Each structure stands twice: as structure tokens, then as C-alpha cells.
Amino acid sequence: MHTDDSPWDVLLIGGASGVGKSRAAARLAARHGAFTVEFDDVVAALQAATTAATHPGLHHFTGPAPAGGAERVLELQIATARALEAALLGVVRNRLTVDVPAVVEGDYLTPAAAARAAAEAAGQGRRVRAVFLHEDDPARIAANYADREPDCGPQPERAAVSARYSAWLAAQAAAHALPVLDCRPYATLPERLAAALA
């Protein structure tokens, strides 16, 4: 049900925005012949199929920017991630019905949902692994945004929230005994990620 050199059937790569998940996921998927799922696409589909009235937990960021500053934005980001836990479990269950390994990456993967997905899979004799990438330097995240989204200009406030969300994810991952990997040095991240999952 998996490639010979793959230590997982589904790999979950979580982490805050701007920490390098997509690039790391693409490299690992290519190495293992795996299908890649960007969880942001699932989030966008769910938001398109629902409304703020019917599913408020999915629509905290689809309207005007929330008031209340960075603390409120972080609170709503965590609330959105928790509202999407059932969707993540659905994606993993679906990927386990096929014989191609998959890498699922995204900002809204919670350690709680990842741990539950791994436990469910183990009960079926399947292997779901999870790792959370961590970057605690807002300036580094802002630099990553500048490289990725040069037309958006400086984004220090967004980067600051992302760094705090990264810290929350890292703490939650540790509580669920899931590996947390520092993103830097970025040049060696794919190799360190592969080693952590071996």
C-alpha cells in the first residue's frame, strides 16, 4: 500500500504560514512518488460551499479583517484550525483508500487532528505520520513573505501573528508527542525532515 522506501502512507506537514511547508512537501512527495494535497485548497472549497451564517468557524477571514489586533487574529486562526479538524480527518481517510502515498500540508492542520488520524490509521494497519515545522522569528517569516509575495509589500503584522501561531502549534505538537522541526537552516530542511520521519 506504499512505496518501498516510504515510511508512511500519509504524511501530514503542519506549520504556520510562511515557514516553508509547501517547498518541503513538494520535495518529499517527489522523492517518494507521493500525491500532494494542499489543505488550503480544501479550506477554500469548504468556504465556497458554506456561508458565515451556517459555518461561522470557517469564515473568520473571508470578510473584512477582524478587529482586535494580533491577539484576536491569533485566537481566530486557532479557532479556524479547530473547526477544520473533521475535514482533515476526512482527507486522510479518503487518501488511505488508494495505494498512492500522500503528503498533506497546510497552515490549519492541528496536532490534535493529526494524532487522531495517526491513531485511526494504526488501527487499520496503515501509517499516518505527522511533523510540524516551526519558525519563531517574525523577521524571517516576513522575509519569506517578501520572497513569495513581492507585490504585497512588507507584512510585519502578519508575520508576527504567524510566529505566534507557530509557537502554539509547536506546543500542541509536543503535547501530542508529535515531532517539531525548526525550519532553519532552510537549505537542509528537506534532509532533516526525511531523517526525522525515517
N, C-alpha and C. Protein backbone atom coordinates (compact mmCIF):
# COMPACT_ATOMS: atom_id res chain seq x y z
N MET A 1 0.82 -1.21 0.00
CA MET A 1 0.00 0.00 0.00
C MET A 1 0.85 1.26 0.00
N HIS A 2 2.16 1.12 -0.19
CA HIS A 2 3.05 2.27 -0.16
C HIS A 2 4.31 1.93 -0.93
N THR A 3 5.05 2.96 -1.29
CA THR A 3 6.31 2.69 -1.96
C THR A 3 7.28 2.07 -0.98
N ASP A 4 8.21 1.28 -1.50
CA ASP A 4 9.11 0.52 -0.65
C ASP A 4 9.92 1.40 0.29
N ASP A 5 10.28 2.60 -0.17
CA ASP A 5 11.15 3.44 0.65
C ASP A 5 10.39 4.47 1.46
N SER A 6 9.08 4.41 1.46
CA SER A 6 8.29 5.39 2.19
C SER A 6 7.91 4.86 3.57
N PRO A 7 8.24 5.58 4.63
CA PRO A 7 7.89 5.13 5.98
C PRO A 7 6.48 5.55 6.41
N TRP A 8 5.65 5.95 5.44
CA TRP A 8 4.29 6.40 5.75
C TRP A 8 3.39 6.21 4.53
N ASP A 9 2.10 6.06 4.80
CA ASP A 9 1.09 6.07 3.74
C ASP A 9 0.58 7.48 3.51
N VAL A 10 0.39 8.22 4.59
CA VAL A 10 0.03 9.64 4.51
C VAL A 10 0.94 10.40 5.47
N LEU A 11 1.52 11.44 4.96
CA LEU A 11 2.36 12.30 5.78
C LEU A 11 1.69 13.66 5.91
N LEU A 12 1.53 14.12 7.13
CA LEU A 12 0.95 15.43 7.41
C LEU A 12 2.07 16.40 7.78
N ILE A 13 2.17 17.51 7.06
CA ILE A 13 3.16 18.53 7.37
C ILE A 13 2.41 19.80 7.76
N GLY A 14 2.45 20.11 9.04
CA GLY A 14 1.77 21.29 9.54
C GLY A 14 2.76 22.39 9.89
N GLY A 15 2.24 23.58 10.05
CA GLY A 15 3.08 24.71 10.42
C GLY A 15 2.40 26.00 10.02
N ALA A 16 2.86 27.07 10.56
CA ALA A 16 2.26 28.38 10.29
C ALA A 16 2.58 28.83 8.88
N SER A 17 1.87 29.85 8.46
CA SER A 17 2.09 30.45 7.14
C SER A 17 3.51 31.00 7.04
N GLY A 18 4.15 30.77 5.89
CA GLY A 18 5.45 31.38 5.62
C GLY A 18 6.65 30.66 6.19
N VAL A 19 6.50 29.41 6.62
CA VAL A 19 7.64 28.71 7.23
C VAL A 19 8.31 27.71 6.28
N GLY A 20 7.76 27.52 5.08
CA GLY A 20 8.41 26.64 4.12
C GLY A 20 7.79 25.27 3.94
N LYS A 21 6.53 25.11 4.35
CA LYS A 21 5.87 23.79 4.26
C LYS A 21 5.73 23.31 2.82
N SER A 22 5.26 24.19 1.95
CA SER A 22 4.95 23.78 0.58
C SER A 22 6.18 23.27 -0.15
N ARG A 23 7.28 23.97 -0.01
CA ARG A 23 8.51 23.56 -0.68
C ARG A 23 9.00 22.22 -0.13
N ALA A 24 8.99 22.08 1.19
CA ALA A 24 9.42 20.82 1.80
C ALA A 24 8.51 19.67 1.39
N ALA A 25 7.20 19.93 1.36
CA ALA A 25 6.24 18.90 0.98
C ALA A 25 6.46 18.46 -0.46
N ALA A 26 6.70 19.41 -1.34
CA ALA A 26 6.89 19.07 -2.76
C ALA A 26 8.12 18.19 -2.95
N ARG A 27 9.20 18.51 -2.23
CA ARG A 27 10.42 17.71 -2.36
C ARG A 27 10.23 16.29 -1.84
N LEU A 28 9.56 16.18 -0.68
CA LEU A 28 9.34 14.85 -0.13
C LEU A 28 8.39 14.04 -1.01
N ALA A 29 7.37 14.69 -1.53
CA ALA A 29 6.42 13.98 -2.40
C ALA A 29 7.13 13.47 -3.65
N ALA A 30 7.99 14.30 -4.23
CA ALA A 30 8.72 13.88 -5.42
C ALA A 30 9.64 12.70 -5.11
N ARG A 31 10.27 12.75 -3.95
CA ARG A 31 11.19 11.68 -3.56
C ARG A 31 10.47 10.34 -3.39
N HIS A 32 9.23 10.37 -2.91
CA HIS A 32 8.50 9.14 -2.61
C HIS A 32 7.41 8.81 -3.62
N GLY A 33 7.33 9.58 -4.70
CA GLY A 33 6.27 9.34 -5.67
C GLY A 33 4.89 9.52 -5.07
N ALA A 34 4.77 10.50 -4.19
CA ALA A 34 3.53 10.70 -3.44
C ALA A 34 2.66 11.78 -4.08
N PHE A 35 1.38 11.67 -3.83
CA PHE A 35 0.40 12.68 -4.22
C PHE A 35 0.45 13.80 -3.19
N THR A 36 0.34 15.04 -3.63
CA THR A 36 0.38 16.17 -2.70
C THR A 36 -1.00 16.79 -2.57
N VAL A 37 -1.42 17.00 -1.34
CA VAL A 37 -2.68 17.69 -1.05
C VAL A 37 -2.34 18.98 -0.32
N GLU A 38 -2.73 20.10 -0.91
CA GLU A 38 -2.60 21.37 -0.20
C GLU A 38 -3.90 21.60 0.54
N PHE A 39 -3.84 21.55 1.86
CA PHE A 39 -5.06 21.65 2.66
C PHE A 39 -5.74 23.00 2.46
N ASP A 40 -4.99 24.03 2.04
CA ASP A 40 -5.60 25.32 1.73
C ASP A 40 -6.67 25.17 0.65
N ASP A 41 -6.48 24.23 -0.29
CA ASP A 41 -7.48 24.01 -1.33
C ASP A 41 -8.76 23.45 -0.73
N VAL A 42 -8.63 22.56 0.24
CA VAL A 42 -9.79 22.01 0.92
C VAL A 42 -10.52 23.11 1.69
N VAL A 43 -9.74 23.97 2.36
CA VAL A 43 -10.33 25.08 3.10
C VAL A 43 -11.11 25.99 2.16
N ALA A 44 -10.51 26.33 1.02
CA ALA A 44 -11.18 27.20 0.05
C ALA A 44 -12.47 26.57 -0.47
N ALA A 45 -12.44 25.26 -0.72
CA ALA A 45 -13.64 24.57 -1.19
C ALA A 45 -14.74 24.60 -0.13
N LEU A 46 -14.38 24.36 1.11
CA LEU A 46 -15.37 24.38 2.18
C LEU A 46 -15.95 25.78 2.36
N GLN A 47 -15.11 26.79 2.25
CA GLN A 47 -15.61 28.16 2.39
C GLN A 47 -16.54 28.52 1.24
N ALA A 48 -16.23 28.03 0.03
CA ALA A 48 -17.09 28.31 -1.12
C ALA A 48 -18.44 27.61 -1.01
N ALA A 49 -18.46 26.47 -0.32
CA ALA A 49 -19.69 25.68 -0.21
C ALA A 49 -20.52 26.01 1.02
N THR A 50 -20.03 26.93 1.85
CA THR A 50 -20.74 27.28 3.08
C THR A 50 -20.84 28.80 3.19
N THR A 51 -21.53 29.25 4.21
CA THR A 51 -21.62 30.68 4.48
C THR A 51 -21.23 30.94 5.93
N ALA A 52 -20.96 32.20 6.21
CA ALA A 52 -20.63 32.57 7.59
C ALA A 52 -21.80 32.31 8.52
N ALA A 53 -23.02 32.36 7.99
CA ALA A 53 -24.20 32.11 8.82
C ALA A 53 -24.31 30.64 9.20
N THR A 54 -23.98 29.75 8.26
CA THR A 54 -24.13 28.32 8.53
C THR A 54 -22.90 27.71 9.18
N HIS A 55 -21.72 28.22 8.85
CA HIS A 55 -20.46 27.68 9.36
C HIS A 55 -19.51 28.81 9.75
N PRO A 56 -19.85 29.52 10.81
CA PRO A 56 -19.04 30.69 11.17
C PRO A 56 -17.57 30.37 11.45
N GLY A 57 -17.29 29.17 11.94
CA GLY A 57 -15.92 28.81 12.25
C GLY A 57 -15.01 28.75 11.04
N LEU A 58 -15.60 28.64 9.84
CA LEU A 58 -14.80 28.57 8.62
C LEU A 58 -14.62 29.93 7.94
N HIS A 59 -15.27 30.95 8.47
CA HIS A 59 -15.33 32.22 7.74
C HIS A 59 -14.78 33.42 8.52
N HIS A 60 -13.91 33.16 9.47
CA HIS A 60 -13.36 34.27 10.25
C HIS A 60 -12.54 35.23 9.40
N PHE A 61 -11.98 34.73 8.29
CA PHE A 61 -11.08 35.56 7.48
C PHE A 61 -11.57 35.77 6.05
N THR A 62 -12.85 35.46 5.78
CA THR A 62 -13.37 35.64 4.43
C THR A 62 -13.99 37.02 4.22
N GLY A 63 -14.17 37.77 5.28
CA GLY A 63 -14.73 39.11 5.16
C GLY A 63 -13.69 40.16 5.49
N PRO A 64 -14.13 41.28 6.02
CA PRO A 64 -13.17 42.32 6.43
C PRO A 64 -12.21 41.80 7.50
N ALA A 65 -11.05 42.40 7.56
CA ALA A 65 -10.06 41.98 8.56
C ALA A 65 -10.66 42.07 9.95
N PRO A 66 -10.46 41.04 10.78
CA PRO A 66 -11.04 41.07 12.12
C PRO A 66 -10.44 42.19 12.98
N ALA A 67 -11.28 42.80 13.77
CA ALA A 67 -10.82 43.84 14.69
C ALA A 67 -10.26 43.18 15.94
N GLY A 68 -9.46 43.93 16.68
CA GLY A 68 -8.96 43.43 17.95
C GLY A 68 -7.47 43.18 17.99
N GLY A 69 -6.79 43.42 16.89
CA GLY A 69 -5.34 43.31 16.89
C GLY A 69 -4.83 41.89 16.76
N ALA A 70 -3.52 41.75 16.96
CA ALA A 70 -2.84 40.48 16.73
C ALA A 70 -3.37 39.36 17.62
N GLU A 71 -3.69 39.68 18.86
CA GLU A 71 -4.19 38.65 19.77
C GLU A 71 -5.50 38.05 19.27
N ARG A 72 -6.38 38.91 18.76
CA ARG A 72 -7.66 38.43 18.23
C ARG A 72 -7.47 37.63 16.94
N VAL A 73 -6.55 38.07 16.09
CA VAL A 73 -6.28 37.33 14.86
C VAL A 73 -5.75 35.93 15.19
N LEU A 74 -4.84 35.85 16.14
CA LEU A 74 -4.31 34.55 16.55
C LEU A 74 -5.42 33.66 17.10
N GLU A 75 -6.27 34.22 17.93
CA GLU A 75 -7.39 33.47 18.52
C GLU A 75 -8.29 32.91 17.42
N LEU A 76 -8.58 33.73 16.40
CA LEU A 76 -9.45 33.28 15.32
C LEU A 76 -8.75 32.26 14.42
N GLN A 77 -7.46 32.39 14.26
CA GLN A 77 -6.71 31.42 13.47
C GLN A 77 -6.77 30.05 14.13
N ILE A 78 -6.59 30.01 15.44
CA ILE A 78 -6.68 28.75 16.17
C ILE A 78 -8.10 28.19 16.09
N ALA A 79 -9.09 29.06 16.22
CA ALA A 79 -10.48 28.62 16.13
C ALA A 79 -10.79 28.04 14.75
N THR A 80 -10.27 28.65 13.71
CA THR A 80 -10.47 28.14 12.35
C THR A 80 -9.83 26.77 12.20
N ALA A 81 -8.61 26.62 12.70
CA ALA A 81 -7.93 25.33 12.60
C ALA A 81 -8.73 24.24 13.31
N ARG A 82 -9.25 24.56 14.47
CA ARG A 82 -10.04 23.56 15.20
C ARG A 82 -11.34 23.23 14.47
N ALA A 83 -11.93 24.23 13.82
CA ALA A 83 -13.16 23.99 13.06
C ALA A 83 -12.92 23.09 11.86
N LEU A 84 -11.68 23.00 11.41
CA LEU A 84 -11.34 22.21 10.22
C LEU A 84 -10.81 20.81 10.56
N GLU A 85 -10.80 20.45 11.82
CA GLU A 85 -10.23 19.15 12.20
C GLU A 85 -10.97 17.99 11.56
N ALA A 86 -12.30 18.06 11.51
CA ALA A 86 -13.06 16.97 10.89
C ALA A 86 -12.74 16.87 9.40
N ALA A 87 -12.52 18.01 8.75
CA ALA A 87 -12.18 17.99 7.33
C ALA A 87 -10.83 17.31 7.10
N LEU A 88 -9.87 17.58 7.97
CA LEU A 88 -8.56 16.92 7.82
C LEU A 88 -8.70 15.42 7.96
N LEU A 89 -9.49 14.99 8.94
CA LEU A 89 -9.70 13.54 9.12
C LEU A 89 -10.35 12.94 7.87
N GLY A 90 -11.27 13.68 7.26
CA GLY A 90 -11.90 13.21 6.04
C GLY A 90 -10.91 13.06 4.90
N VAL A 91 -10.01 14.02 4.77
CA VAL A 91 -8.99 13.94 3.72
C VAL A 91 -8.10 12.72 3.94
N VAL A 92 -7.65 12.52 5.17
CA VAL A 92 -6.76 11.39 5.44
C VAL A 92 -7.49 10.07 5.19
N ARG A 93 -8.71 9.95 5.66
CA ARG A 93 -9.46 8.71 5.44
C ARG A 93 -9.60 8.43 3.94
N ASN A 94 -9.86 9.46 3.17
CA ASN A 94 -10.00 9.28 1.73
C ASN A 94 -8.69 8.86 1.08
N ARG A 95 -7.57 9.50 1.49
CA ARG A 95 -6.28 9.15 0.89
C ARG A 95 -5.88 7.72 1.22
N LEU A 96 -6.34 7.20 2.35
CA LEU A 96 -6.00 5.84 2.73
C LEU A 96 -6.78 4.79 1.94
N THR A 97 -7.73 5.22 1.11
CA THR A 97 -8.47 4.27 0.28
C THR A 97 -7.73 3.96 -1.02
N VAL A 98 -6.64 4.66 -1.30
CA VAL A 98 -5.89 4.42 -2.53
C VAL A 98 -4.47 3.97 -2.19
N ASP A 99 -3.78 3.45 -3.19
CA ASP A 99 -2.47 2.85 -2.95
C ASP A 99 -1.30 3.81 -3.15
N VAL A 100 -1.58 5.07 -3.43
CA VAL A 100 -0.51 6.04 -3.66
C VAL A 100 -0.27 6.82 -2.37
N PRO A 101 0.97 6.88 -1.87
CA PRO A 101 1.22 7.66 -0.66
C PRO A 101 0.91 9.13 -0.91
N ALA A 102 0.59 9.85 0.14
CA ALA A 102 0.20 11.25 0.01
C ALA A 102 0.87 12.10 1.07
N VAL A 103 1.17 13.33 0.67
CA VAL A 103 1.65 14.34 1.60
C VAL A 103 0.57 15.41 1.67
N VAL A 104 0.08 15.68 2.88
CA VAL A 104 -0.92 16.72 3.11
C VAL A 104 -0.25 17.83 3.89
N GLU A 105 -0.27 19.05 3.35
CA GLU A 105 0.39 20.14 4.05
C GLU A 105 -0.55 21.34 4.16
N GLY A 106 -0.39 22.09 5.25
CA GLY A 106 -1.21 23.28 5.39
C GLY A 106 -1.08 23.94 6.74
N ASP A 107 -1.54 25.19 6.78
CA ASP A 107 -1.50 26.00 7.99
C ASP A 107 -2.47 25.50 9.05
N TYR A 108 -3.59 24.91 8.59
CA TYR A 108 -4.68 24.62 9.51
C TYR A 108 -4.71 23.17 9.98
N LEU A 109 -3.60 22.45 9.85
CA LEU A 109 -3.51 21.10 10.41
C LEU A 109 -3.20 21.24 11.90
N THR A 110 -4.07 20.73 12.74
CA THR A 110 -3.79 20.79 14.17
C THR A 110 -3.13 19.50 14.64
N PRO A 111 -2.27 19.59 15.63
CA PRO A 111 -1.69 18.37 16.19
C PRO A 111 -2.74 17.41 16.74
N ALA A 112 -3.82 17.93 17.29
CA ALA A 112 -4.86 17.05 17.82
C ALA A 112 -5.46 16.20 16.72
N ALA A 113 -5.78 16.82 15.57
CA ALA A 113 -6.35 16.07 14.46
C ALA A 113 -5.32 15.12 13.86
N ALA A 114 -4.06 15.55 13.80
CA ALA A 114 -3.01 14.69 13.27
C ALA A 114 -2.83 13.45 14.13
N ALA A 115 -2.84 13.63 15.43
CA ALA A 115 -2.69 12.49 16.34
C ALA A 115 -3.87 11.54 16.21
N ARG A 116 -5.07 12.09 16.07
CA ARG A 116 -6.25 11.23 15.91
C ARG A 116 -6.18 10.47 14.58
N ALA A 117 -5.76 11.15 13.51
CA ALA A 117 -5.64 10.49 12.21
C ALA A 117 -4.63 9.35 12.27
N ALA A 118 -3.51 9.58 12.95
CA ALA A 118 -2.49 8.54 13.07
C ALA A 118 -3.02 7.34 13.85
N ALA A 119 -3.76 7.61 14.92
CA ALA A 119 -4.31 6.51 15.73
C ALA A 119 -5.34 5.71 14.94
N GLU A 120 -6.21 6.40 14.21
CA GLU A 120 -7.20 5.70 13.38
C GLU A 120 -6.52 4.81 12.35
N ALA A 121 -5.50 5.38 11.68
CA ALA A 121 -4.80 4.63 10.64
C ALA A 121 -4.10 3.40 11.22
N ALA A 122 -3.48 3.57 12.39
CA ALA A 122 -2.78 2.45 13.01
C ALA A 122 -3.75 1.30 13.30
N GLY A 123 -4.98 1.65 13.65
CA GLY A 123 -5.99 0.63 13.90
C GLY A 123 -6.35 -0.17 12.66
N GLN A 124 -6.02 0.40 11.48
CA GLN A 124 -6.29 -0.28 10.21
C GLN A 124 -5.00 -0.85 9.60
N GLY A 125 -3.93 -0.81 10.37
CA GLY A 125 -2.66 -1.30 9.86
C GLY A 125 -2.02 -0.36 8.84
N ARG A 126 -2.40 0.90 8.86
CA ARG A 126 -1.85 1.89 7.94
C ARG A 126 -0.99 2.88 8.72
N ARG A 127 -0.18 3.66 7.99
CA ARG A 127 0.79 4.53 8.65
C ARG A 127 0.56 5.99 8.27
N VAL A 128 0.07 6.75 9.21
CA VAL A 128 -0.03 8.20 9.06
C VAL A 128 0.99 8.82 9.99
N ARG A 129 1.87 9.62 9.44
CA ARG A 129 2.88 10.32 10.22
C ARG A 129 2.61 11.81 10.14
N ALA A 130 3.08 12.54 11.12
CA ALA A 130 2.90 14.00 11.13
C ALA A 130 4.15 14.66 11.67
N VAL A 131 4.45 15.81 11.14
CA VAL A 131 5.55 16.63 11.63
C VAL A 131 5.13 18.08 11.50
N PHE A 132 5.55 18.89 12.46
CA PHE A 132 5.20 20.31 12.44
C PHE A 132 6.46 21.15 12.33
N LEU A 133 6.49 22.00 11.32
CA LEU A 133 7.63 22.87 11.09
C LEU A 133 7.46 24.14 11.91
N HIS A 134 8.55 24.62 12.49
CA HIS A 134 8.48 25.75 13.42
C HIS A 134 9.49 26.83 13.06
N GLU A 135 8.98 28.05 13.06
CA GLU A 135 9.83 29.24 12.89
C GLU A 135 9.34 30.30 13.87
N ASP A 136 10.21 30.73 14.79
CA ASP A 136 9.78 31.67 15.82
C ASP A 136 10.24 33.10 15.58
N ASP A 137 10.87 33.36 14.45
CA ASP A 137 11.39 34.70 14.17
C ASP A 137 10.48 35.41 13.17
N PRO A 138 9.70 36.41 13.63
CA PRO A 138 8.81 37.12 12.71
C PRO A 138 9.56 37.77 11.55
N ALA A 139 10.77 38.24 11.78
CA ALA A 139 11.52 38.88 10.70
C ALA A 139 11.84 37.87 9.60
N ARG A 140 12.16 36.63 9.99
CA ARG A 140 12.44 35.60 8.99
C ARG A 140 11.19 35.26 8.19
N ILE A 141 10.05 35.17 8.88
CA ILE A 141 8.79 34.89 8.19
C ILE A 141 8.44 36.04 7.25
N ALA A 142 8.64 37.27 7.71
CA ALA A 142 8.37 38.43 6.86
C ALA A 142 9.25 38.40 5.61
N ALA A 143 10.49 37.99 5.77
CA ALA A 143 11.39 37.87 4.62
C ALA A 143 10.89 36.79 3.66
N ASN A 144 10.38 35.70 4.20
CA ASN A 144 9.82 34.65 3.35
C ASN A 144 8.61 35.16 2.58
N TYR A 145 7.75 35.93 3.26
CA TYR A 145 6.61 36.53 2.57
C TYR A 145 7.09 37.45 1.44
N ALA A 146 8.11 38.23 1.71
CA ALA A 146 8.62 39.16 0.70
C ALA A 146 9.13 38.41 -0.53
N ASP A 147 9.77 37.26 -0.31
CA ASP A 147 10.25 36.45 -1.44
C ASP A 147 9.09 35.83 -2.20
N ARG A 148 8.09 35.38 -1.46
CA ARG A 148 6.96 34.65 -2.05
C ARG A 148 5.91 35.58 -2.65
N GLU A 149 5.71 36.72 -2.02
CA GLU A 149 4.64 37.64 -2.41
C GLU A 149 5.18 39.06 -2.54
N PRO A 150 6.11 39.28 -3.49
CA PRO A 150 6.77 40.59 -3.57
C PRO A 150 5.82 41.75 -3.84
N ASP A 151 4.69 41.49 -4.49
CA ASP A 151 3.76 42.57 -4.81
C ASP A 151 2.93 43.02 -3.61
N CYS A 152 3.00 42.27 -2.51
CA CYS A 152 2.19 42.62 -1.33
C CYS A 152 2.88 43.61 -0.40
N GLY A 153 4.16 43.86 -0.63
CA GLY A 153 4.88 44.78 0.24
C GLY A 153 5.19 44.14 1.59
N PRO A 154 5.79 44.90 2.50
CA PRO A 154 6.13 44.38 3.82
C PRO A 154 4.88 43.91 4.58
N GLN A 155 5.01 42.82 5.31
CA GLN A 155 3.88 42.27 6.06
C GLN A 155 4.30 41.92 7.49
N PRO A 156 4.81 42.89 8.24
CA PRO A 156 5.33 42.57 9.58
C PRO A 156 4.25 42.10 10.56
N GLU A 157 3.04 42.66 10.47
CA GLU A 157 1.99 42.26 11.41
C GLU A 157 1.56 40.81 11.15
N ARG A 158 1.39 40.48 9.88
CA ARG A 158 1.03 39.10 9.53
C ARG A 158 2.12 38.14 9.97
N ALA A 159 3.37 38.51 9.78
CA ALA A 159 4.49 37.65 10.16
C ALA A 159 4.53 37.46 11.68
N ALA A 160 4.22 38.51 12.42
CA ALA A 160 4.23 38.41 13.88
C ALA A 160 3.16 37.43 14.36
N VAL A 161 1.97 37.49 13.76
CA VAL A 161 0.92 36.54 14.12
C VAL A 161 1.33 35.13 13.74
N SER A 162 1.94 34.99 12.57
CA SER A 162 2.36 33.67 12.12
C SER A 162 3.38 33.05 13.07
N ALA A 163 4.31 33.86 13.57
CA ALA A 163 5.31 33.35 14.51
C ALA A 163 4.64 32.89 15.81
N ARG A 164 3.64 33.62 16.26
CA ARG A 164 2.93 33.22 17.48
C ARG A 164 2.10 31.96 17.26
N TYR A 165 1.50 31.86 16.08
CA TYR A 165 0.74 30.66 15.74
C TYR A 165 1.69 29.45 15.65
N SER A 166 2.88 29.69 15.11
CA SER A 166 3.89 28.62 15.03
C SER A 166 4.24 28.12 16.42
N ALA A 167 4.38 29.03 17.36
CA ALA A 167 4.70 28.63 18.73
C ALA A 167 3.55 27.82 19.34
N TRP A 168 2.32 28.21 19.04
CA TRP A 168 1.16 27.47 19.55
C TRP A 168 1.14 26.06 18.96
N LEU A 169 1.36 25.95 17.65
CA LEU A 169 1.37 24.64 17.02
C LEU A 169 2.48 23.76 17.59
N ALA A 170 3.66 24.35 17.81
CA ALA A 170 4.78 23.58 18.35
C ALA A 170 4.46 23.05 19.74
N ALA A 171 3.84 23.88 20.57
CA ALA A 171 3.47 23.45 21.92
C ALA A 171 2.42 22.34 21.87
N GLN A 172 1.45 22.49 20.98
CA GLN A 172 0.41 21.47 20.85
C GLN A 172 1.00 20.17 20.33
N ALA A 173 1.90 20.27 19.36
CA ALA A 173 2.54 19.06 18.83
C ALA A 173 3.31 18.33 19.91
N ALA A 174 4.04 19.08 20.72
CA ALA A 174 4.79 18.46 21.81
C ALA A 174 3.84 17.76 22.78
N ALA A 175 2.70 18.37 23.04
CA ALA A 175 1.72 17.77 23.95
C ALA A 175 1.16 16.47 23.41
N HIS A 176 1.14 16.33 22.08
CA HIS A 176 0.64 15.11 21.45
C HIS A 176 1.77 14.18 21.02
N ALA A 177 2.99 14.47 21.49
CA ALA A 177 4.16 13.64 21.20
C ALA A 177 4.43 13.53 19.70
N LEU A 178 4.22 14.63 18.99
CA LEU A 178 4.50 14.69 17.56
C LEU A 178 5.78 15.50 17.33
N PRO A 179 6.57 15.13 16.35
CA PRO A 179 7.84 15.83 16.14
C PRO A 179 7.65 17.27 15.66
N VAL A 180 8.52 18.14 16.17
CA VAL A 180 8.57 19.54 15.77
C VAL A 180 9.97 19.78 15.23
N LEU A 181 10.05 20.38 14.06
CA LEU A 181 11.33 20.58 13.40
C LEU A 181 11.53 22.06 13.12
N ASP A 182 12.64 22.62 13.61
CA ASP A 182 12.96 24.01 13.29
C ASP A 182 13.22 24.13 11.79
N CYS A 183 12.68 25.17 11.19
CA CYS A 183 12.82 25.34 9.75
C CYS A 183 14.25 25.68 9.34
N ARG A 184 14.93 26.44 10.17
CA ARG A 184 16.29 26.85 9.82
C ARG A 184 17.31 25.82 10.32
N PRO A 185 18.37 25.60 9.55
CA PRO A 185 18.66 26.22 8.26
C PRO A 185 17.79 25.64 7.14
N TYR A 186 17.22 26.54 6.34
CA TYR A 186 16.28 26.13 5.31
C TYR A 186 16.93 25.21 4.29
N ALA A 187 18.19 25.41 4.00
CA ALA A 187 18.87 24.61 2.97
C ALA A 187 18.86 23.13 3.30
N THR A 188 18.86 22.80 4.58
CA THR A 188 18.91 21.38 4.96
C THR A 188 17.56 20.85 5.44
N LEU A 189 16.51 21.66 5.34
CA LEU A 189 15.20 21.25 5.86
C LEU A 189 14.71 19.95 5.22
N PRO A 190 14.75 19.79 3.91
CA PRO A 190 14.25 18.52 3.34
C PRO A 190 14.97 17.29 3.87
N GLU A 191 16.29 17.40 4.02
CA GLU A 191 17.04 16.26 4.52
C GLU A 191 16.74 16.00 5.99
N ARG A 192 16.62 17.06 6.79
CA ARG A 192 16.31 16.88 8.21
C ARG A 192 14.90 16.34 8.39
N LEU A 193 14.00 16.78 7.53
CA LEU A 193 12.63 16.29 7.58
C LEU A 193 12.59 14.80 7.26
N ALA A 194 13.29 14.40 6.22
CA ALA A 194 13.34 12.98 5.87
C ALA A 194 13.93 12.14 7.00
N ALA A 195 15.00 12.68 7.63
CA ALA A 195 15.63 11.95 8.73
C ALA A 195 14.70 11.81 9.92
N ALA A 196 13.94 12.86 10.20
CA ALA A 196 13.02 12.83 11.34
C ALA A 196 11.91 11.81 11.13
N LEU A 197 11.59 11.52 9.89
CA LEU A 197 10.49 10.61 9.59
C LEU A 197 10.95 9.20 9.27
N ALA A 198 12.26 9.01 9.21
CA ALA A 198 12.80 7.68 8.83
C ALA A 198 12.44 6.64 9.88
